[in-house]
Amino acid sequence: MVLSALAAVLVFVGVSSYVASVNSKVGPMVTVYQVTKDLPAFTTLSADNTEPVQVPQRWAADNTVLKSADIDGRVVSTPMTSGATISLDVLVPPNNLSPDEREVAVNVDAVTGLAGRIRPGDQVDVYAVFTDVPGLTKQSRILVENVRVVSVAGQLQVQTPDAKSLQNVIPVTLAVSPESALELTYAAQMAAEVRLIGLPPGVAQDRSKEQRTFDARQLGGKAVAERAR
């Protein structure tokens, strides 16, 4: 019996040492949330499509350690595959518009969207190029100045205007005045190109003398308006 008791103690000590060794290697655990099914971009997260998972803290990025309140009702900006971990950078920022602001999304590509350099919170100008609008001179113009970038979504595929092929676009949401939202909506339909122009941080200088339009006259030619259809 003495030998049996001694053996039991040795087994207990061995198991305890092994568990302690594993715990020291794995470390404390934290909760992350994963999606339970494939989700397209702009899906609203809820308990129906997410689940909590315990992982070692050392394996979890800081922006993935979230609570259910952090994700419930939030929208993902990019497509996600089943089992993917949710991080703060894939969540559309919550609405923080002032009473005189509106959100409007414009589709850009790697060139017109500054090659991925813009981030939420940046300030940009929006330029448009009009080439085939009845009665309007072919020109490029500043549509909106110094507007705030609310969110930058992942790359999506949409049909080209002729509906014959697909093109890759990046939806960028801007906070603008109601009047500017109308301008951008018109340009998205009628302009040949809508382009974001990056601005230096803290733009506050007087820009009233900046040129706002450009056409053939600046190149020594003649600005000819498109004929009415």
Protein backbone atom coordinates (compact mmCIF):
# COMPACT_ATOMS: atom_id res chain seq x y z
CA MET A 1 0.00 0.00 0.00
CA VAL A 2 2.90 2.31 0.77
CA LEU A 3 4.30 1.69 -2.71
CA SER A 4 0.89 2.32 -4.27
CA ALA A 5 0.50 5.60 -2.38
CA LEU A 6 4.01 6.64 -3.37
CA ALA A 7 3.28 5.83 -7.01
CA ALA A 8 0.06 7.85 -6.91
CA VAL A 9 1.93 10.83 -5.47
CA LEU A 10 4.59 10.55 -8.17
CA VAL A 11 1.91 10.37 -10.89
CA PHE A 12 0.14 13.44 -9.43
CA VAL A 13 3.40 15.38 -9.26
CA GLY A 14 4.23 14.37 -12.84
CA VAL A 15 0.83 15.39 -14.19
CA SER A 16 0.95 18.68 -12.27
CA SER A 17 4.41 19.42 -13.62
CA TYR A 18 3.25 18.65 -17.16
CA VAL A 19 0.18 20.89 -16.85
CA ALA A 20 2.30 23.69 -15.38
CA SER A 21 4.77 23.30 -18.21
CA VAL A 22 2.01 23.47 -20.84
CA ASN A 23 0.44 26.50 -19.16
CA SER A 24 3.79 28.28 -19.04
CA LYS A 25 4.23 27.70 -22.78
CA VAL A 26 0.66 28.56 -23.81
CA GLY A 27 0.07 31.38 -21.36
CA PRO A 28 -3.24 33.00 -20.40
CA MET A 29 -6.24 32.60 -22.68
CA VAL A 30 -8.35 35.37 -24.24
CA THR A 31 -11.60 35.46 -26.18
CA VAL A 32 -11.73 36.29 -29.88
CA TYR A 33 -14.73 36.09 -32.20
CA GLN A 34 -14.87 34.16 -35.45
CA VAL A 35 -17.47 34.10 -38.19
CA THR A 36 -19.35 30.82 -38.51
CA LYS A 37 -20.17 31.10 -42.21
CA ASP A 38 -18.93 32.82 -45.33
CA LEU A 39 -20.04 36.46 -45.21
CA PRO A 40 -20.14 38.95 -48.09
CA ALA A 41 -18.95 42.51 -47.50
CA PHE A 42 -21.32 44.79 -45.58
CA THR A 43 -22.93 41.93 -43.62
CA THR A 44 -24.22 42.84 -40.15
CA LEU A 45 -22.68 40.73 -37.40
CA SER A 46 -24.79 38.99 -34.78
CA ALA A 47 -24.89 35.84 -32.64
CA ASP A 48 -26.26 34.02 -35.71
CA ASN A 49 -23.02 34.37 -37.68
CA THR A 50 -20.31 34.71 -35.01
CA GLU A 51 -19.02 32.69 -32.07
CA PRO A 52 -16.52 33.26 -29.24
CA VAL A 53 -13.32 31.20 -29.27
CA GLN A 54 -10.66 30.87 -26.56
CA VAL A 55 -7.09 31.23 -27.82
CA PRO A 56 -3.73 31.83 -26.11
CA GLN A 57 -3.16 35.55 -25.59
CA ARG A 58 0.23 35.39 -27.25
CA TRP A 59 -1.41 34.25 -30.49
CA ALA A 60 -4.10 36.95 -30.58
CA ALA A 61 -3.51 40.39 -32.06
CA ASP A 62 -4.61 43.27 -29.84
CA ASN A 63 -7.33 44.34 -32.30
CA THR A 64 -8.96 40.88 -32.20
CA VAL A 65 -9.56 40.69 -28.43
CA LEU A 66 -13.16 41.90 -28.43
CA LYS A 67 -16.41 41.59 -26.50
CA SER A 68 -19.79 40.70 -27.96
CA ALA A 69 -20.86 44.33 -27.47
CA ASP A 70 -17.98 45.39 -29.72
CA ILE A 71 -19.29 43.44 -32.71
CA ASP A 72 -23.06 42.96 -32.34
CA GLY A 73 -24.78 45.08 -34.95
CA ARG A 74 -21.53 46.17 -36.57
CA VAL A 75 -20.93 45.73 -40.30
CA VAL A 76 -17.89 44.10 -41.90
CA SER A 77 -16.27 46.09 -44.70
CA THR A 78 -14.76 43.09 -46.52
CA PRO A 79 -15.86 39.54 -47.38
CA MET A 80 -14.98 37.00 -44.68
CA THR A 81 -14.63 33.23 -44.89
CA SER A 82 -16.00 30.84 -42.29
CA GLY A 83 -13.63 30.58 -39.33
CA ALA A 84 -11.97 33.94 -39.92
CA THR A 85 -11.21 36.00 -36.82
CA ILE A 86 -12.92 39.37 -36.56
CA SER A 87 -10.63 42.35 -36.01
CA LEU A 88 -11.41 46.02 -35.52
CA ASP A 89 -9.95 46.97 -38.89
CA VAL A 90 -12.58 44.95 -40.80
CA LEU A 91 -15.49 46.67 -39.03
CA VAL A 92 -17.16 49.70 -40.58
CA PRO A 93 -16.71 52.59 -38.12
CA PRO A 94 -19.88 53.55 -36.23
CA ASN A 95 -21.77 56.56 -37.54
CA ASN A 96 -20.35 59.79 -36.09
CA LEU A 97 -21.86 62.31 -38.48
CA SER A 98 -22.70 65.82 -37.39
CA PRO A 99 -26.25 67.11 -38.09
CA ASP A 100 -25.08 68.89 -41.28
CA GLU A 101 -23.19 65.91 -42.73
CA ARG A 102 -24.28 63.04 -44.93
CA GLU A 103 -22.50 59.80 -45.81
CA VAL A 104 -21.97 58.97 -49.48
CA ALA A 105 -19.91 56.15 -50.98
CA VAL A 106 -17.91 56.45 -54.19
CA ASN A 107 -16.24 53.61 -56.07
CA VAL A 108 -12.57 54.14 -56.86
CA ASP A 109 -9.78 51.88 -58.07
CA ALA A 110 -6.11 51.57 -57.16
CA VAL A 111 -5.29 54.74 -59.13
CA THR A 112 -8.28 56.99 -58.49
CA GLY A 113 -8.27 55.94 -54.83
CA LEU A 114 -4.64 56.95 -54.14
CA ALA A 115 -3.30 53.38 -54.40
CA GLY A 116 -4.53 52.34 -50.96
CA ARG A 117 -2.93 55.25 -49.12
CA ILE A 118 -6.13 56.71 -47.70
CA ARG A 119 -7.42 55.73 -44.28
CA PRO A 120 -10.54 56.60 -42.25
CA GLY A 121 -10.11 60.08 -40.80
CA ASP A 122 -8.07 61.41 -43.74
CA GLN A 123 -9.17 64.57 -45.56
CA VAL A 124 -9.43 64.52 -49.36
CA ASP A 125 -10.66 66.56 -52.30
CA VAL A 126 -12.89 64.90 -54.90
CA TYR A 127 -12.21 65.68 -58.58
CA ALA A 128 -14.40 64.67 -61.50
CA VAL A 129 -13.66 64.50 -65.23
CA PHE A 130 -16.62 65.20 -67.54
CA THR A 131 -16.17 64.19 -71.18
CA ASP A 132 -19.59 63.48 -72.64
CA VAL A 133 -22.27 65.44 -70.84
CA PRO A 134 -24.66 67.35 -73.15
CA GLY A 135 -24.09 71.10 -72.96
CA LEU A 136 -21.08 70.81 -70.62
CA THR A 137 -17.54 71.59 -71.69
CA LYS A 138 -15.15 68.68 -71.50
CA GLN A 139 -13.25 69.44 -68.31
CA SER A 140 -11.94 68.31 -64.98
CA ARG A 141 -13.13 70.12 -61.88
CA ILE A 142 -12.96 70.07 -58.12
CA LEU A 143 -16.33 68.83 -56.93
CA VAL A 144 -15.79 68.84 -53.17
CA GLU A 145 -12.98 70.17 -51.02
CA ASN A 146 -11.53 68.87 -47.78
CA VAL A 147 -13.99 66.11 -46.91
CA ARG A 148 -13.50 63.41 -44.29
CA VAL A 149 -13.00 59.75 -45.18
CA VAL A 150 -15.36 57.68 -43.01
CA SER A 151 -14.42 54.18 -44.15
CA VAL A 152 -12.49 52.32 -46.83
CA ALA A 153 -13.96 48.95 -47.77
CA GLY A 154 -12.23 45.97 -49.32
CA GLN A 155 -12.02 45.37 -53.03
CA LEU A 156 -15.24 44.39 -54.78
CA GLN A 157 -16.16 43.42 -58.33
CA VAL A 158 -18.90 45.35 -60.10
CA GLN A 159 -20.14 45.48 -63.66
CA THR A 160 -18.62 48.03 -66.02
CA PRO A 161 -20.98 50.74 -67.30
CA ASP A 162 -21.51 48.79 -70.53
CA ALA A 163 -22.42 45.68 -68.45
CA LYS A 164 -20.06 43.56 -70.57
CA SER A 165 -17.39 42.81 -67.98
CA LEU A 166 -16.41 43.18 -64.33
CA GLN A 167 -14.04 45.67 -62.77
CA ASN A 168 -12.37 45.83 -59.37
CA VAL A 169 -13.42 48.80 -57.23
CA ILE A 170 -12.87 50.00 -53.68
CA PRO A 171 -15.91 51.68 -52.04
CA VAL A 172 -14.85 54.74 -50.04
CA THR A 173 -17.42 56.42 -47.79
CA LEU A 174 -17.14 60.19 -47.34
CA ALA A 175 -18.82 62.61 -44.92
CA VAL A 176 -20.08 65.58 -46.93
CA SER A 177 -22.71 68.29 -46.89
CA PRO A 178 -26.16 67.49 -48.37
CA GLU A 179 -25.34 69.67 -51.41
CA SER A 180 -22.03 67.87 -51.98
CA ALA A 181 -23.78 64.51 -51.67
CA LEU A 182 -25.96 65.55 -54.63
CA GLU A 183 -22.90 66.60 -56.64
CA LEU A 184 -21.12 63.33 -55.96
CA THR A 185 -24.19 61.29 -56.81
CA TYR A 186 -24.48 63.10 -60.15
CA ALA A 187 -20.78 62.71 -60.89
CA ALA A 188 -20.85 59.00 -60.08
CA GLN A 189 -23.40 58.58 -62.88
CA MET A 190 -22.29 61.18 -65.44
CA ALA A 191 -18.54 61.71 -65.01
CA ALA A 192 -16.00 59.64 -66.92
CA GLU A 193 -13.88 59.47 -63.77
CA VAL A 194 -14.13 60.40 -60.10
CA ARG A 195 -10.79 60.74 -58.37
CA LEU A 196 -9.73 61.29 -54.75
CA ILE A 197 -6.94 63.82 -54.17
CA GLY A 198 -4.92 63.49 -50.98
CA LEU A 199 -4.34 66.52 -48.77
CA PRO A 200 -1.63 67.30 -46.22
CA PRO A 201 -2.59 66.81 -42.57
CA GLY A 202 -4.46 69.64 -40.89
CA VAL A 203 -5.48 71.51 -44.04
CA ALA A 204 -6.75 74.90 -42.90
CA GLN A 205 -5.15 77.45 -45.24
CA ASP A 206 -7.07 79.77 -47.55
CA ARG A 207 -7.68 77.88 -50.78
CA SER A 208 -9.96 80.41 -52.45
CA LYS A 209 -7.37 81.20 -55.15
CA GLU A 210 -6.89 77.60 -56.25
CA GLN A 211 -7.97 76.80 -59.80
CA ARG A 212 -11.17 74.77 -59.70
CA THR A 213 -11.60 73.73 -63.35
CA PHE A 214 -9.33 72.74 -66.22
CA ASP A 215 -10.17 72.32 -69.90
CA ALA A 216 -8.65 72.73 -73.39
CA ARG A 217 -8.23 76.49 -72.95
CA GLN A 218 -5.44 75.98 -70.42
CA LEU A 219 -3.61 73.97 -73.10
CA GLY A 220 -4.00 76.67 -75.75
CA GLY A 221 -7.04 75.08 -77.38
CA LYS A 222 -10.74 75.88 -77.43
CA ALA A 223 -13.26 74.56 -74.95
CA VAL A 224 -16.18 73.12 -76.93
CA ALA A 225 -19.36 72.10 -75.15
CA GLU A 226 -20.95 68.77 -75.92
CA ARG A 227 -24.00 69.03 -78.12
CA ALA A 228 -27.40 68.46 -76.63
CA ARG A 229 -28.82 65.07 -77.54
